[in-house]
Amino acid sequence: MSLTIQERYINPIYLGVLNSNFLGLKHQKLSKFIADTTSVLESVRDKELIYMYQGGDWRWSMVASWICGIGCFTQYIDRIGTLLCDHNGYADQFHCFALARFGNEEAIAILNNYLSQRQADTHPANNYWTSWRYFHGFGALKWLDKQHGTDYSSPYRVDLEKRVKAHYAENPLMSSPPPYAPNFEDASAQLQRVIDFVDKHFSLN
């Protein structure tokens, strides 16, 4: 099964999914990515998605959460939550995307738990990486706040901005965070661009 999953579902799309690279695709590359994602969405089976989440490879779980987010396959929410709170590297962005797409109370609780874990890491040396690990979870929770009229994300934003400023304050050559530092104002807007892409190119009918 492992080789089949790699060849049929992972190799065709994972580089396009990674870091939302699909947002920059045009013409034939964009058409191919949409067609390949649609093929995976229509053909992947339940036991294969479970295997992708259990395989231990971030590429597999990233693609699985991309597909589950598009299809709103909420039956995988526990697996996604476990991987997110264990920190799954580059896959975290799409675990958060899937939870935002699910948009239910359980998804909000998972995001809150994830952000609380990051908030609990108070070691100064971890300020930079902790703030980046916050980024997509914060964006998903802020996006859900907009959908539901809630305000769960605000306390995390205060903490995150303090961490970014503290990290760069330690560098005497920088008076303020550079342009490539985490910009939490853009976190939910970045997720919105991904969701707009999904709404435009993939139909659940």
N, C-alpha and C. Protein backbone atom coordinates (compact mmCIF):
# COMPACT_ATOMS: atom_id res chain seq x y z
N MET A 1 0.82 -1.22 0.00
CA MET A 1 0.00 0.00 0.00
C MET A 1 0.86 1.27 0.00
N SER A 2 1.98 1.20 0.69
CA SER A 2 2.83 2.38 0.86
C SER A 2 3.29 2.96 -0.48
N LEU A 3 3.78 2.11 -1.35
CA LEU A 3 4.26 2.56 -2.66
C LEU A 3 3.12 3.12 -3.49
N THR A 4 1.96 2.49 -3.44
CA THR A 4 0.80 2.97 -4.20
C THR A 4 0.37 4.35 -3.73
N ILE A 5 0.32 4.56 -2.43
CA ILE A 5 -0.05 5.87 -1.89
C ILE A 5 0.94 6.94 -2.32
N GLN A 6 2.22 6.61 -2.22
CA GLN A 6 3.26 7.58 -2.60
C GLN A 6 3.11 7.99 -4.07
N GLU A 7 2.90 7.02 -4.93
CA GLU A 7 2.85 7.29 -6.37
C GLU A 7 1.53 7.92 -6.80
N ARG A 8 0.42 7.48 -6.21
CA ARG A 8 -0.90 7.94 -6.67
C ARG A 8 -1.33 9.25 -6.03
N TYR A 9 -0.99 9.44 -4.76
CA TYR A 9 -1.57 10.55 -4.01
C TYR A 9 -0.57 11.61 -3.55
N ILE A 10 0.65 11.19 -3.26
CA ILE A 10 1.62 12.13 -2.69
C ILE A 10 2.44 12.83 -3.77
N ASN A 11 3.13 12.05 -4.57
CA ASN A 11 4.03 12.63 -5.56
C ASN A 11 3.38 13.65 -6.50
N PRO A 12 2.15 13.41 -6.97
CA PRO A 12 1.57 14.37 -7.93
C PRO A 12 1.28 15.75 -7.35
N ILE A 13 1.04 15.88 -6.02
CA ILE A 13 0.55 17.16 -5.52
C ILE A 13 1.28 17.75 -4.32
N TYR A 14 2.16 17.00 -3.65
CA TYR A 14 2.64 17.50 -2.35
C TYR A 14 3.48 18.77 -2.49
N LEU A 15 4.25 18.91 -3.59
CA LEU A 15 5.04 20.13 -3.75
C LEU A 15 4.15 21.34 -4.03
N GLY A 16 3.02 21.12 -4.66
CA GLY A 16 2.06 22.21 -4.87
C GLY A 16 1.35 22.60 -3.60
N VAL A 17 1.11 21.62 -2.73
CA VAL A 17 0.44 21.89 -1.45
C VAL A 17 1.38 22.59 -0.49
N LEU A 18 2.63 22.16 -0.42
CA LEU A 18 3.61 22.67 0.52
C LEU A 18 3.67 24.20 0.50
N ASN A 19 3.50 24.81 1.67
CA ASN A 19 3.54 26.28 1.80
C ASN A 19 2.53 27.00 0.91
N SER A 20 1.47 26.31 0.52
CA SER A 20 0.45 26.89 -0.38
C SER A 20 1.04 27.33 -1.71
N ASN A 21 2.00 26.56 -2.22
CA ASN A 21 2.63 26.92 -3.49
C ASN A 21 1.63 26.99 -4.63
N PHE A 22 0.50 26.30 -4.49
CA PHE A 22 -0.52 26.31 -5.55
C PHE A 22 -1.05 27.72 -5.81
N LEU A 23 -0.95 28.61 -4.83
CA LEU A 23 -1.45 29.98 -5.03
C LEU A 23 -0.65 30.73 -6.08
N GLY A 24 0.57 30.28 -6.34
CA GLY A 24 1.40 30.94 -7.35
C GLY A 24 1.44 30.24 -8.69
N LEU A 25 0.70 29.15 -8.83
CA LEU A 25 0.71 28.41 -10.09
C LEU A 25 -0.16 29.10 -11.15
N LYS A 26 0.23 28.96 -12.41
CA LYS A 26 -0.53 29.57 -13.50
C LYS A 26 -0.61 28.60 -14.68
N HIS A 27 -1.63 28.83 -15.50
CA HIS A 27 -1.78 28.15 -16.77
C HIS A 27 -1.75 26.62 -16.62
N GLN A 28 -0.86 25.95 -17.36
CA GLN A 28 -0.86 24.50 -17.39
C GLN A 28 -0.52 23.88 -16.03
N LYS A 29 0.38 24.52 -15.29
CA LYS A 29 0.76 23.99 -13.97
C LYS A 29 -0.42 24.06 -13.00
N LEU A 30 -1.17 25.16 -13.08
CA LEU A 30 -2.34 25.29 -12.23
C LEU A 30 -3.40 24.26 -12.61
N SER A 31 -3.65 24.11 -13.89
CA SER A 31 -4.65 23.14 -14.36
C SER A 31 -4.27 21.73 -13.94
N LYS A 32 -2.99 21.40 -14.06
CA LYS A 32 -2.53 20.07 -13.68
C LYS A 32 -2.71 19.84 -12.18
N PHE A 33 -2.36 20.85 -11.36
CA PHE A 33 -2.50 20.70 -9.92
C PHE A 33 -3.97 20.49 -9.53
N ILE A 34 -4.86 21.25 -10.13
CA ILE A 34 -6.30 21.11 -9.84
C ILE A 34 -6.78 19.72 -10.25
N ALA A 35 -6.36 19.28 -11.44
CA ALA A 35 -6.78 17.96 -11.93
C ALA A 35 -6.23 16.85 -11.04
N ASP A 36 -4.97 16.97 -10.61
CA ASP A 36 -4.36 15.94 -9.77
C ASP A 36 -5.01 15.91 -8.39
N THR A 37 -5.30 17.09 -7.83
CA THR A 37 -5.96 17.13 -6.53
C THR A 37 -7.36 16.54 -6.62
N THR A 38 -8.08 16.88 -7.68
CA THR A 38 -9.43 16.34 -7.89
C THR A 38 -9.38 14.82 -8.00
N SER A 39 -8.38 14.31 -8.70
CA SER A 39 -8.23 12.86 -8.84
C SER A 39 -8.02 12.19 -7.49
N VAL A 40 -7.16 12.78 -6.66
CA VAL A 40 -6.93 12.23 -5.33
C VAL A 40 -8.21 12.29 -4.50
N LEU A 41 -8.87 13.44 -4.55
CA LEU A 41 -10.10 13.64 -3.77
C LEU A 41 -11.16 12.61 -4.12
N GLU A 42 -11.26 12.26 -5.39
CA GLU A 42 -12.30 11.35 -5.85
C GLU A 42 -11.95 9.88 -5.69
N SER A 43 -10.65 9.57 -5.60
CA SER A 43 -10.26 8.17 -5.63
C SER A 43 -9.72 7.63 -4.30
N VAL A 44 -9.23 8.51 -3.42
CA VAL A 44 -8.63 8.02 -2.17
C VAL A 44 -9.69 7.38 -1.29
N ARG A 45 -9.32 6.29 -0.66
CA ARG A 45 -10.25 5.54 0.18
C ARG A 45 -9.98 5.81 1.67
N ASP A 46 -10.96 5.49 2.49
CA ASP A 46 -10.86 5.76 3.91
C ASP A 46 -9.62 5.10 4.52
N LYS A 47 -9.41 3.85 4.21
CA LYS A 47 -8.27 3.16 4.82
C LYS A 47 -6.94 3.74 4.34
N GLU A 48 -6.93 4.33 3.15
CA GLU A 48 -5.70 4.96 2.66
C GLU A 48 -5.43 6.28 3.38
N LEU A 49 -6.49 7.06 3.64
CA LEU A 49 -6.30 8.29 4.42
C LEU A 49 -5.82 7.97 5.83
N ILE A 50 -6.39 6.95 6.45
CA ILE A 50 -5.94 6.54 7.78
C ILE A 50 -4.47 6.15 7.74
N TYR A 51 -4.07 5.42 6.72
CA TYR A 51 -2.68 4.99 6.57
C TYR A 51 -1.77 6.21 6.37
N MET A 52 -2.24 7.20 5.63
CA MET A 52 -1.46 8.42 5.41
C MET A 52 -1.22 9.17 6.71
N TYR A 53 -2.21 9.18 7.58
CA TYR A 53 -2.05 9.84 8.87
C TYR A 53 -1.17 9.04 9.82
N GLN A 54 -1.14 7.73 9.65
CA GLN A 54 -0.36 6.89 10.56
C GLN A 54 1.06 6.64 10.08
N GLY A 55 1.37 7.07 8.86
CA GLY A 55 2.64 6.71 8.24
C GLY A 55 3.87 7.39 8.82
N GLY A 56 3.68 8.50 9.55
CA GLY A 56 4.82 9.17 10.17
C GLY A 56 5.57 10.12 9.26
N ASP A 57 5.11 10.30 8.03
CA ASP A 57 5.76 11.21 7.08
C ASP A 57 4.92 12.48 6.98
N TRP A 58 5.54 13.65 7.22
CA TRP A 58 4.78 14.90 7.20
C TRP A 58 4.16 15.17 5.83
N ARG A 59 4.79 14.70 4.76
CA ARG A 59 4.23 14.91 3.41
C ARG A 59 2.90 14.17 3.28
N TRP A 60 2.84 12.98 3.81
CA TRP A 60 1.62 12.18 3.75
C TRP A 60 0.50 12.83 4.54
N SER A 61 0.80 13.24 5.78
CA SER A 61 -0.25 13.84 6.59
C SER A 61 -0.65 15.21 6.08
N MET A 62 0.28 15.93 5.46
CA MET A 62 -0.04 17.23 4.86
C MET A 62 -1.05 17.06 3.73
N VAL A 63 -0.78 16.11 2.83
CA VAL A 63 -1.69 15.86 1.71
C VAL A 63 -3.03 15.34 2.24
N ALA A 64 -3.00 14.48 3.24
CA ALA A 64 -4.25 13.96 3.81
C ALA A 64 -5.11 15.10 4.35
N SER A 65 -4.50 16.05 5.06
CA SER A 65 -5.29 17.15 5.62
C SER A 65 -5.74 18.13 4.54
N TRP A 66 -4.97 18.29 3.48
CA TRP A 66 -5.41 19.08 2.32
C TRP A 66 -6.68 18.47 1.73
N ILE A 67 -6.67 17.17 1.55
CA ILE A 67 -7.84 16.48 1.00
C ILE A 67 -9.02 16.50 1.97
N CYS A 68 -8.75 16.23 3.24
CA CYS A 68 -9.84 16.24 4.24
C CYS A 68 -10.43 17.63 4.40
N GLY A 69 -9.60 18.67 4.28
CA GLY A 69 -10.10 20.03 4.37
C GLY A 69 -10.99 20.38 3.20
N ILE A 70 -10.57 20.00 2.00
CA ILE A 70 -11.39 20.27 0.81
C ILE A 70 -12.73 19.53 0.92
N GLY A 71 -12.66 18.27 1.29
CA GLY A 71 -13.86 17.45 1.34
C GLY A 71 -14.65 17.57 2.63
N CYS A 72 -14.11 18.33 3.59
CA CYS A 72 -14.75 18.45 4.91
C CYS A 72 -15.00 17.08 5.53
N PHE A 73 -13.96 16.25 5.51
CA PHE A 73 -14.05 14.90 6.06
C PHE A 73 -13.80 14.96 7.57
N THR A 74 -14.81 15.35 8.31
CA THR A 74 -14.65 15.62 9.74
C THR A 74 -14.37 14.36 10.57
N GLN A 75 -14.56 13.19 9.99
CA GLN A 75 -14.31 11.96 10.74
C GLN A 75 -12.84 11.78 11.11
N TYR A 76 -11.97 12.59 10.50
CA TYR A 76 -10.53 12.49 10.80
C TYR A 76 -10.06 13.55 11.79
N ILE A 77 -10.97 14.27 12.41
CA ILE A 77 -10.60 15.40 13.24
C ILE A 77 -9.71 15.01 14.41
N ASP A 78 -9.94 13.85 15.02
CA ASP A 78 -9.11 13.43 16.15
C ASP A 78 -7.68 13.17 15.71
N ARG A 79 -7.52 12.55 14.56
CA ARG A 79 -6.17 12.27 14.04
C ARG A 79 -5.45 13.58 13.73
N ILE A 80 -6.16 14.51 13.14
CA ILE A 80 -5.57 15.81 12.81
C ILE A 80 -5.17 16.54 14.08
N GLY A 81 -6.03 16.54 15.06
CA GLY A 81 -5.74 17.21 16.32
C GLY A 81 -4.52 16.63 17.02
N THR A 82 -4.39 15.31 17.00
CA THR A 82 -3.24 14.66 17.63
C THR A 82 -1.95 15.04 16.93
N LEU A 83 -1.94 15.01 15.61
CA LEU A 83 -0.73 15.37 14.86
C LEU A 83 -0.37 16.84 15.05
N LEU A 84 -1.38 17.69 15.07
CA LEU A 84 -1.11 19.13 15.23
C LEU A 84 -0.46 19.39 16.59
N CYS A 85 -1.01 18.83 17.64
CA CYS A 85 -0.49 19.09 18.99
C CYS A 85 0.86 18.41 19.21
N ASP A 86 1.20 17.43 18.38
CA ASP A 86 2.53 16.81 18.44
C ASP A 86 3.54 17.57 17.59
N HIS A 87 3.07 18.57 16.88
CA HIS A 87 3.86 19.39 15.94
C HIS A 87 4.39 18.53 14.81
N ASN A 88 3.78 18.69 13.65
CA ASN A 88 4.07 17.85 12.49
C ASN A 88 4.79 18.63 11.39
N GLY A 89 5.59 19.61 11.79
CA GLY A 89 6.41 20.34 10.83
C GLY A 89 5.61 21.08 9.78
N TYR A 90 6.00 20.94 8.54
CA TYR A 90 5.36 21.66 7.44
C TYR A 90 3.89 21.30 7.27
N ALA A 91 3.49 20.16 7.81
CA ALA A 91 2.09 19.73 7.68
C ALA A 91 1.15 20.55 8.54
N ASP A 92 1.67 21.23 9.57
CA ASP A 92 0.81 21.96 10.50
C ASP A 92 -0.13 22.93 9.79
N GLN A 93 0.39 23.60 8.76
CA GLN A 93 -0.45 24.58 8.04
C GLN A 93 -1.75 23.95 7.56
N PHE A 94 -1.67 22.74 7.04
CA PHE A 94 -2.86 22.13 6.45
C PHE A 94 -3.69 21.35 7.47
N HIS A 95 -3.11 21.00 8.60
CA HIS A 95 -3.94 20.53 9.70
C HIS A 95 -4.84 21.68 10.17
N CYS A 96 -4.26 22.88 10.27
CA CYS A 96 -5.03 24.06 10.69
C CYS A 96 -6.07 24.44 9.63
N PHE A 97 -5.70 24.32 8.36
CA PHE A 97 -6.65 24.57 7.27
C PHE A 97 -7.85 23.64 7.37
N ALA A 98 -7.59 22.36 7.59
CA ALA A 98 -8.69 21.39 7.69
C ALA A 98 -9.61 21.72 8.87
N LEU A 99 -9.02 22.07 10.00
CA LEU A 99 -9.83 22.42 11.17
C LEU A 99 -10.68 23.66 10.91
N ALA A 100 -10.11 24.63 10.21
CA ALA A 100 -10.89 25.83 9.86
C ALA A 100 -12.05 25.46 8.95
N ARG A 101 -11.81 24.57 8.02
CA ARG A 101 -12.89 24.13 7.11
C ARG A 101 -13.97 23.37 7.87
N PHE A 102 -13.58 22.58 8.86
CA PHE A 102 -14.59 21.87 9.64
C PHE A 102 -15.44 22.86 10.42
N GLY A 103 -14.78 23.82 11.05
CA GLY A 103 -15.47 24.95 11.67
C GLY A 103 -16.39 24.63 12.82
N ASN A 104 -16.23 23.45 13.43
CA ASN A 104 -17.14 23.09 14.51
C ASN A 104 -16.49 23.36 15.87
N GLU A 105 -17.23 23.10 16.93
CA GLU A 105 -16.73 23.39 18.28
C GLU A 105 -15.50 22.55 18.62
N GLU A 106 -15.46 21.33 18.13
CA GLU A 106 -14.31 20.48 18.40
C GLU A 106 -13.05 21.03 17.73
N ALA A 107 -13.20 21.55 16.51
CA ALA A 107 -12.07 22.15 15.81
C ALA A 107 -11.55 23.37 16.56
N ILE A 108 -12.45 24.19 17.06
CA ILE A 108 -12.05 25.38 17.84
C ILE A 108 -11.32 24.95 19.10
N ALA A 109 -11.81 23.91 19.77
CA ALA A 109 -11.18 23.42 20.99
C ALA A 109 -9.76 22.91 20.71
N ILE A 110 -9.58 22.22 19.59
CA ILE A 110 -8.25 21.70 19.22
C ILE A 110 -7.29 22.85 18.97
N LEU A 111 -7.74 23.86 18.24
CA LEU A 111 -6.88 25.02 17.96
C LEU A 111 -6.52 25.76 19.24
N ASN A 112 -7.49 25.90 20.14
CA ASN A 112 -7.20 26.54 21.43
C ASN A 112 -6.17 25.74 22.22
N ASN A 113 -6.30 24.43 22.22
CA ASN A 113 -5.36 23.57 22.93
C ASN A 113 -3.96 23.69 22.33
N TYR A 114 -3.90 23.69 21.01
CA TYR A 114 -2.62 23.81 20.31
C TYR A 114 -1.93 25.13 20.64
N LEU A 115 -2.68 26.23 20.58
CA LEU A 115 -2.11 27.54 20.87
C LEU A 115 -1.73 27.68 22.34
N SER A 116 -2.49 27.06 23.22
CA SER A 116 -2.15 27.08 24.64
C SER A 116 -0.84 26.36 24.90
N GLN A 117 -0.60 25.27 24.18
CA GLN A 117 0.66 24.55 24.30
C GLN A 117 1.83 25.44 23.89
N ARG A 118 1.65 26.13 22.76
CA ARG A 118 2.71 27.03 22.29
C ARG A 118 2.93 28.17 23.28
N GLN A 119 1.86 28.67 23.85
CA GLN A 119 1.94 29.77 24.81
C GLN A 119 2.69 29.34 26.08
N ALA A 120 2.56 28.08 26.43
CA ALA A 120 3.19 27.57 27.64
C ALA A 120 4.71 27.46 27.51
N ASP A 121 5.22 27.48 26.27
CA ASP A 121 6.67 27.42 26.06
C ASP A 121 7.23 28.84 26.23
N THR A 122 7.73 29.13 27.42
CA THR A 122 8.15 30.50 27.74
C THR A 122 9.67 30.68 27.67
N HIS A 123 10.40 29.68 27.22
CA HIS A 123 11.86 29.82 27.15
C HIS A 123 12.23 30.87 26.10
N PRO A 124 13.00 31.88 26.47
CA PRO A 124 13.32 32.97 25.51
C PRO A 124 13.96 32.48 24.22
N ALA A 125 14.76 31.42 24.32
CA ALA A 125 15.43 30.91 23.13
C ALA A 125 14.46 30.38 22.10
N ASN A 126 13.24 30.07 22.53
CA ASN A 126 12.25 29.48 21.62
C ASN A 126 11.26 30.51 21.07
N ASN A 127 11.45 31.79 21.38
CA ASN A 127 10.48 32.80 20.97
C ASN A 127 10.24 32.80 19.46
N TYR A 128 11.31 32.71 18.68
CA TYR A 128 11.16 32.82 17.23
C TYR A 128 10.39 31.64 16.65
N TRP A 129 10.84 30.42 16.98
CA TRP A 129 10.20 29.25 16.38
C TRP A 129 8.80 29.02 16.95
N THR A 130 8.63 29.36 18.23
CA THR A 130 7.29 29.24 18.81
C THR A 130 6.32 30.17 18.11
N SER A 131 6.76 31.38 17.77
CA SER A 131 5.87 32.32 17.08
C SER A 131 5.49 31.82 15.69
N TRP A 132 6.45 31.17 14.99
CA TRP A 132 6.10 30.62 13.68
C TRP A 132 5.16 29.43 13.81
N ARG A 133 5.36 28.63 14.84
CA ARG A 133 4.48 27.47 15.05
C ARG A 133 3.08 27.91 15.43
N TYR A 134 3.00 29.06 16.04
CA TYR A 134 1.71 29.68 16.36
C TYR A 134 0.95 30.10 15.09
N PHE A 135 1.69 30.50 14.07
CA PHE A 135 1.16 31.33 12.99
C PHE A 135 -0.10 30.76 12.36
N HIS A 136 -0.04 29.53 11.88
CA HIS A 136 -1.18 28.97 11.15
C HIS A 136 -2.34 28.62 12.10
N GLY A 137 -2.01 28.19 13.31
CA GLY A 137 -3.06 27.94 14.30
C GLY A 137 -3.79 29.21 14.67
N PHE A 138 -3.01 30.27 14.86
CA PHE A 138 -3.61 31.57 15.17
C PHE A 138 -4.47 32.04 14.01
N GLY A 139 -3.96 31.90 12.78
CA GLY A 139 -4.73 32.33 11.60
C GLY A 139 -6.04 31.59 11.47
N ALA A 140 -6.02 30.28 11.74
CA ALA A 140 -7.24 29.47 11.65
C ALA A 140 -8.24 29.88 12.72
N LEU A 141 -7.75 30.11 13.94
CA LEU A 141 -8.66 30.49 15.02
C LEU A 141 -9.23 31.90 14.79
N LYS A 142 -8.39 32.79 14.30
CA LYS A 142 -8.87 34.14 14.00
C LYS A 142 -9.91 34.11 12.87
N TRP A 143 -9.67 33.27 11.87
CA TRP A 143 -10.62 33.13 10.76
C TRP A 143 -11.95 32.61 11.27
N LEU A 144 -11.90 31.63 12.16
CA LEU A 144 -13.13 31.09 12.74
C LEU A 144 -13.83 32.12 13.62
N ASP A 145 -13.06 32.96 14.31
CA ASP A 145 -13.66 34.05 15.08
C ASP A 145 -14.52 34.93 14.18
N LYS A 146 -14.00 35.21 12.99
CA LYS A 146 -14.74 36.06 12.05
C LYS A 146 -16.03 35.38 11.59
N GLN A 147 -15.97 34.08 11.42
CA GLN A 147 -17.15 33.34 10.96
C GLN A 147 -18.22 33.24 12.04
N HIS A 148 -17.79 33.12 13.29
CA HIS A 148 -18.72 32.85 14.38
C HIS A 148 -19.00 34.03 15.30
N GLY A 149 -18.31 35.15 15.05
CA GLY A 149 -18.50 36.31 15.92
C GLY A 149 -17.93 36.12 17.31
N THR A 150 -16.86 35.34 17.40
CA THR A 150 -16.20 35.09 18.69
C THR A 150 -14.86 35.83 18.73
N ASP A 151 -14.15 35.66 19.84
CA ASP A 151 -12.87 36.36 19.99
C ASP A 151 -11.87 35.50 20.76
N TYR A 152 -11.73 34.24 20.36
CA TYR A 152 -10.80 33.35 21.03
C TYR A 152 -9.34 33.69 20.73
N SER A 153 -9.08 34.31 19.60
CA SER A 153 -7.70 34.48 19.13
C SER A 153 -6.96 35.65 19.75
N SER A 154 -7.66 36.65 20.24
CA SER A 154 -7.01 37.89 20.69
C SER A 154 -5.92 37.68 21.74
N PRO A 155 -6.15 36.90 22.80
CA PRO A 155 -5.09 36.73 23.81
C PRO A 155 -3.80 36.15 23.23
N TYR A 156 -3.93 35.27 22.23
CA TYR A 156 -2.75 34.67 21.63
C TYR A 156 -1.98 35.69 20.81
N ARG A 157 -2.69 36.60 20.15
CA ARG A 157 -2.01 37.60 19.34
C ARG A 157 -1.11 38.48 20.21
N VAL A 158 -1.59 38.89 21.37
CA VAL A 158 -0.78 39.72 22.27
C VAL A 158 0.51 38.99 22.64
N ASP A 159 0.38 37.71 22.99
CA ASP A 159 1.55 36.93 23.37
C ASP A 159 2.50 36.75 22.19
N LEU A 160 1.96 36.47 21.02
CA LEU A 160 2.79 36.25 19.84
C LEU A 160 3.58 37.48 19.47
N GLU A 161 2.94 38.62 19.46
CA GLU A 161 3.64 39.85 19.09
C GLU A 161 4.75 40.18 20.09
N LYS A 162 4.53 39.89 21.35
CA LYS A 162 5.57 40.08 22.36
C LYS A 162 6.76 39.18 22.08
N ARG A 163 6.49 37.95 21.68
CA ARG A 163 7.57 37.01 21.40
C ARG A 163 8.42 37.46 20.21
N VAL A 164 7.77 37.91 19.16
CA VAL A 164 8.50 38.36 17.98
C VAL A 164 9.38 39.57 18.32
N LYS A 165 8.82 40.54 19.04
CA LYS A 165 9.58 41.73 19.42
C LYS A 165 10.75 41.35 20.34
N ALA A 166 10.50 40.43 21.26
CA ALA A 166 11.56 40.01 22.18
C ALA A 166 12.69 39.33 21.44
N HIS A 167 12.36 38.51 20.46
CA HIS A 167 13.39 37.81 19.69
C HIS A 167 14.29 38.80 18.96
N TYR A 168 13.70 39.76 18.28
CA TYR A 168 14.52 40.68 17.49
C TYR A 168 15.18 41.76 18.35
N ALA A 169 14.64 42.01 19.53
CA ALA A 169 15.27 42.97 20.45
C ALA A 169 16.62 42.46 20.93
N GLU A 170 16.79 41.14 20.90
CA GLU A 170 18.06 40.55 21.32
C GLU A 170 19.16 40.78 20.30
N ASN A 171 18.79 41.18 19.08
CA ASN A 171 19.77 41.43 18.03
C ASN A 171 20.03 42.93 17.95
N PRO A 172 21.22 43.40 18.35
CA PRO A 172 21.49 44.84 18.39
C PRO A 172 21.48 45.52 17.02
N LEU A 173 21.52 44.71 15.95
CA LEU A 173 21.52 45.29 14.60
C LEU A 173 20.11 45.56 14.09
N MET A 174 19.10 45.16 14.84
CA MET A 174 17.71 45.32 14.40
C MET A 174 16.94 46.16 15.40
N SER A 175 16.36 47.24 14.94
CA SER A 175 15.56 48.08 15.82
C SER A 175 14.11 47.61 15.88
N SER A 176 13.70 46.81 14.90
CA SER A 176 12.34 46.28 14.84
C SER A 176 12.34 45.01 14.01
N PRO A 177 11.29 44.19 14.12
CA PRO A 177 11.23 42.96 13.32
C PRO A 177 11.32 43.24 11.82
N PRO A 178 12.08 42.44 11.06
CA PRO A 178 12.20 42.63 9.62
C PRO A 178 10.95 42.19 8.88
N PRO A 179 10.85 42.47 7.57
CA PRO A 179 9.65 42.11 6.81
C PRO A 179 9.33 40.63 6.79
N TYR A 180 10.35 39.79 6.93
CA TYR A 180 10.10 38.35 6.86
C TYR A 180 9.69 37.75 8.21
N ALA A 181 9.60 38.55 9.26
CA ALA A 181 9.14 38.05 10.56
C ALA A 181 7.66 37.69 10.47
N PRO A 182 7.17 36.82 11.36
CA PRO A 182 5.74 36.47 11.34
C PRO A 182 4.86 37.71 11.43
N ASN A 183 3.96 37.86 10.48
CA ASN A 183 3.03 39.00 10.47
C ASN A 183 1.64 38.47 10.80
N PHE A 184 1.24 38.63 12.05
CA PHE A 184 0.01 38.01 12.49
C PHE A 184 -1.23 38.71 11.96
N GLU A 185 -1.05 39.93 11.47
CA GLU A 185 -2.16 40.62 10.82
C GLU A 185 -2.57 39.89 9.56
N ASP A 186 -1.60 39.20 8.96
CA ASP A 186 -1.84 38.51 7.68
C ASP A 186 -2.23 37.04 7.86
N ALA A 187 -2.21 36.56 9.09
CA ALA A 187 -2.40 35.11 9.30
C ALA A 187 -3.73 34.60 8.79
N SER A 188 -4.83 35.26 9.16
CA SER A 188 -6.14 34.78 8.70
C SER A 188 -6.37 35.14 7.24
N ALA A 189 -5.75 36.23 6.76
CA ALA A 189 -5.88 36.60 5.34
C ALA A 189 -5.22 35.55 4.46
N GLN A 190 -4.10 35.00 4.92
CA GLN A 190 -3.43 33.95 4.16
C GLN A 190 -4.32 32.71 4.07
N LEU A 191 -4.94 32.36 5.18
CA LEU A 191 -5.86 31.22 5.17
C LEU A 191 -7.05 31.51 4.26
N GLN A 192 -7.54 32.73 4.27
CA GLN A 192 -8.67 33.08 3.41
C GLN A 192 -8.33 32.89 1.94
N ARG A 193 -7.09 33.20 1.55
CA ARG A 193 -6.68 33.00 0.16
C ARG A 193 -6.72 31.52 -0.21
N VAL A 194 -6.32 30.67 0.73
CA VAL A 194 -6.36 29.22 0.49
C VAL A 194 -7.81 28.75 0.36
N ILE A 195 -8.67 29.22 1.25
CA ILE A 195 -10.08 28.81 1.21
C ILE A 195 -10.76 29.34 -0.04
N ASP A 196 -10.44 30.55 -0.45
CA ASP A 196 -10.99 31.09 -1.71
C ASP A 196 -10.57 30.22 -2.89
N PHE A 197 -9.33 29.77 -2.88
CA PHE A 197 -8.83 28.89 -3.95
C PHE A 197 -9.65 27.60 -3.97
N VAL A 198 -9.86 27.01 -2.82
CA VAL A 198 -10.63 25.77 -2.74
C VAL A 198 -12.06 26.00 -3.22
N ASP A 199 -12.69 27.06 -2.77
CA ASP A 199 -14.08 27.34 -3.16
C ASP A 199 -14.20 27.56 -4.67
N LYS A 200 -13.16 28.12 -5.25
CA LYS A 200 -13.19 28.42 -6.69
C LYS A 200 -12.98 27.18 -7.55
N HIS A 201 -12.10 26.30 -7.11
CA HIS A 201 -11.65 25.23 -8.00
C HIS A 201 -12.18 23.84 -7.68
N PHE A 202 -12.77 23.65 -6.49
CA PHE A 202 -13.21 22.31 -6.13
C PHE A 202 -14.66 22.34 -5.67
N SER A 203 -15.45 21.48 -6.25
CA SER A 203 -16.86 21.39 -5.91
C SER A 203 -17.09 20.15 -5.06
N LEU A 204 -17.94 20.31 -4.02
CA LEU A 204 -18.28 19.17 -3.17
C LEU A 204 -19.50 18.42 -3.67
N ASN A 205 -20.10 18.89 -4.74
CA ASN A 205 -21.31 18.24 -5.27
C ASN A 205 -20.98 16.93 -5.96
